[in-house]
Amino acid sequence: MKCNVGKIDRVVRAVIGIGALAYGITNSNIVVDVIGGIVLLTAILGWCPLYIPFKINTGCRSES
């Protein structure tokens, strides 16, 4: 897996993911928990599978 999520993108994803998880837990909403977990996981890994088909790279250095 190549890194395709930059630092700013990762921070934004982490904040959104934690917020979604907190909202889902407090309101017993499993769907929001799953979405928040996926967003948080992409922030932790630094890799987003949805970026691949669109060839998006938000700031990681290319591995050459």
C-alpha atoms as a PDB file:
ATOM      1  CA  MET A   1       0.000   0.000   0.000  1.00  0.00           C
ATOM      2  CA  LYS A   2       1.374   3.347  -1.017  1.00  0.00           C
ATOM      3  CA  CYS A   3       0.568   6.334   1.110  1.00  0.00           C
ATOM      4  CA  ASN A   4      -1.955   8.554  -0.687  1.00  0.00           C
ATOM      5  CA  VAL A   5      -3.316  10.663   2.191  1.00  0.00           C
ATOM      6  CA  GLY A   6      -1.349  13.731   3.272  1.00  0.00           C
ATOM      7  CA  LYS A   7      -0.866  15.141   6.777  1.00  0.00           C
ATOM      8  CA  ILE A   8      -3.643  17.732   6.644  1.00  0.00           C
ATOM      9  CA  ASP A   9      -6.040  15.208   5.111  1.00  0.00           C
ATOM     10  CA  ARG A  10      -5.145  12.708   7.836  1.00  0.00           C
ATOM     11  CA  VAL A  11      -5.793  15.227  10.627  1.00  0.00           C
ATOM     12  CA  VAL A  12      -9.150  16.214   9.132  1.00  0.00           C
ATOM     13  CA  ARG A  13     -10.119  12.548   8.728  1.00  0.00           C
ATOM     14  CA  ALA A  14      -9.072  11.772  12.312  1.00  0.00           C
ATOM     15  CA  VAL A  15     -11.150  14.628  13.725  1.00  0.00           C
ATOM     16  CA  ILE A  16     -14.183  13.664  11.628  1.00  0.00           C
ATOM     17  CA  GLY A  17     -13.765   9.981  12.471  1.00  0.00           C
ATOM     18  CA  ILE A  18     -13.498  10.589  16.212  1.00  0.00           C
ATOM     19  CA  GLY A  19     -16.472  12.951  16.082  1.00  0.00           C
ATOM     20  CA  ALA A  20     -18.560  10.441  14.144  1.00  0.00           C
ATOM     21  CA  LEU A  21     -17.622   7.644  16.546  1.00  0.00           C
ATOM     22  CA  ALA A  22     -18.522   9.790  19.557  1.00  0.00           C
ATOM     23  CA  TYR A  23     -21.846  10.759  17.993  1.00  0.00           C
ATOM     24  CA  GLY A  24     -22.632   7.176  17.036  1.00  0.00           C
ATOM     25  CA  ILE A  25     -21.790   5.818  20.468  1.00  0.00           C
ATOM     26  CA  THR A  26     -23.823   8.424  22.351  1.00  0.00           C
ATOM     27  CA  ASN A  27     -26.840   7.977  20.064  1.00  0.00           C
ATOM     28  CA  SER A  28     -26.545   4.191  19.559  1.00  0.00           C
ATOM     29  CA  ASN A  29     -26.175   4.620  15.795  1.00  0.00           C
ATOM     30  CA  ILE A  30     -24.207   1.703  14.384  1.00  0.00           C
ATOM     31  CA  VAL A  31     -24.085   3.086  10.833  1.00  0.00           C
ATOM     32  CA  VAL A  32     -22.368   6.288  11.971  1.00  0.00           C
ATOM     33  CA  ASP A  33     -19.983   4.199  14.102  1.00  0.00           C
ATOM     34  CA  VAL A  34     -18.953   2.108  11.095  1.00  0.00           C
ATOM     35  CA  ILE A  35     -18.454   5.167   8.878  1.00  0.00           C
ATOM     36  CA  GLY A  36     -16.487   6.937  11.613  1.00  0.00           C
ATOM     37  CA  GLY A  37     -14.358   3.843  12.118  1.00  0.00           C
ATOM     38  CA  ILE A  38     -13.550   3.592   8.415  1.00  0.00           C
ATOM     39  CA  VAL A  39     -12.653   7.280   8.218  1.00  0.00           C
ATOM     40  CA  LEU A  40     -10.467   6.980  11.321  1.00  0.00           C
ATOM     41  CA  LEU A  41      -8.787   3.849   9.943  1.00  0.00           C
ATOM     42  CA  THR A  42      -7.892   5.608   6.684  1.00  0.00           C
ATOM     43  CA  ALA A  43      -6.385   8.435   8.747  1.00  0.00           C
ATOM     44  CA  ILE A  44      -4.293   6.001  10.769  1.00  0.00           C
ATOM     45  CA  LEU A  45      -3.114   4.004   7.754  1.00  0.00           C
ATOM     46  CA  GLY A  46      -2.553   7.022   5.497  1.00  0.00           C
ATOM     47  CA  TRP A  47      -4.163   5.139   2.629  1.00  0.00           C
ATOM     48  CA  CYS A  48      -7.610   5.591   1.095  1.00  0.00           C
ATOM     49  CA  PRO A  49      -8.870   2.973  -1.382  1.00  0.00           C
ATOM     50  CA  LEU A  50     -11.308   5.464  -2.941  1.00  0.00           C
ATOM     51  CA  TYR A  51      -8.397   7.675  -4.017  1.00  0.00           C
ATOM     52  CA  ILE A  52      -6.900   4.948  -6.245  1.00  0.00           C
ATOM     53  CA  PRO A  53      -9.387   4.998  -9.169  1.00  0.00           C
ATOM     54  CA  PHE A  54      -9.230   8.795  -9.308  1.00  0.00           C
ATOM     55  CA  LYS A  55      -5.419   8.883  -8.926  1.00  0.00           C
ATOM     56  CA  ILE A  56      -5.632  11.352  -6.042  1.00  0.00           C
ATOM     57  CA  ASN A  57      -2.618  11.932  -3.813  1.00  0.00           C
ATOM     58  CA  THR A  58      -2.997  14.654  -1.182  1.00  0.00           C
ATOM     59  CA  GLY A  59       0.584  15.060  -0.168  1.00  0.00           C
ATOM     60  CA  CYS A  60       2.560  11.887   0.464  1.00  0.00           C
ATOM     61  CA  ARG A  61       5.911  11.584  -1.173  1.00  0.00           C
ATOM     62  CA  SER A  62       5.980   9.276  -4.148  1.00  0.00           C
ATOM     63  CA  GLU A  63       7.959   6.078  -3.665  1.00  0.00           C
ATOM     64  CA  SER A  64      10.463   5.752  -6.481  1.00  0.00           C
END
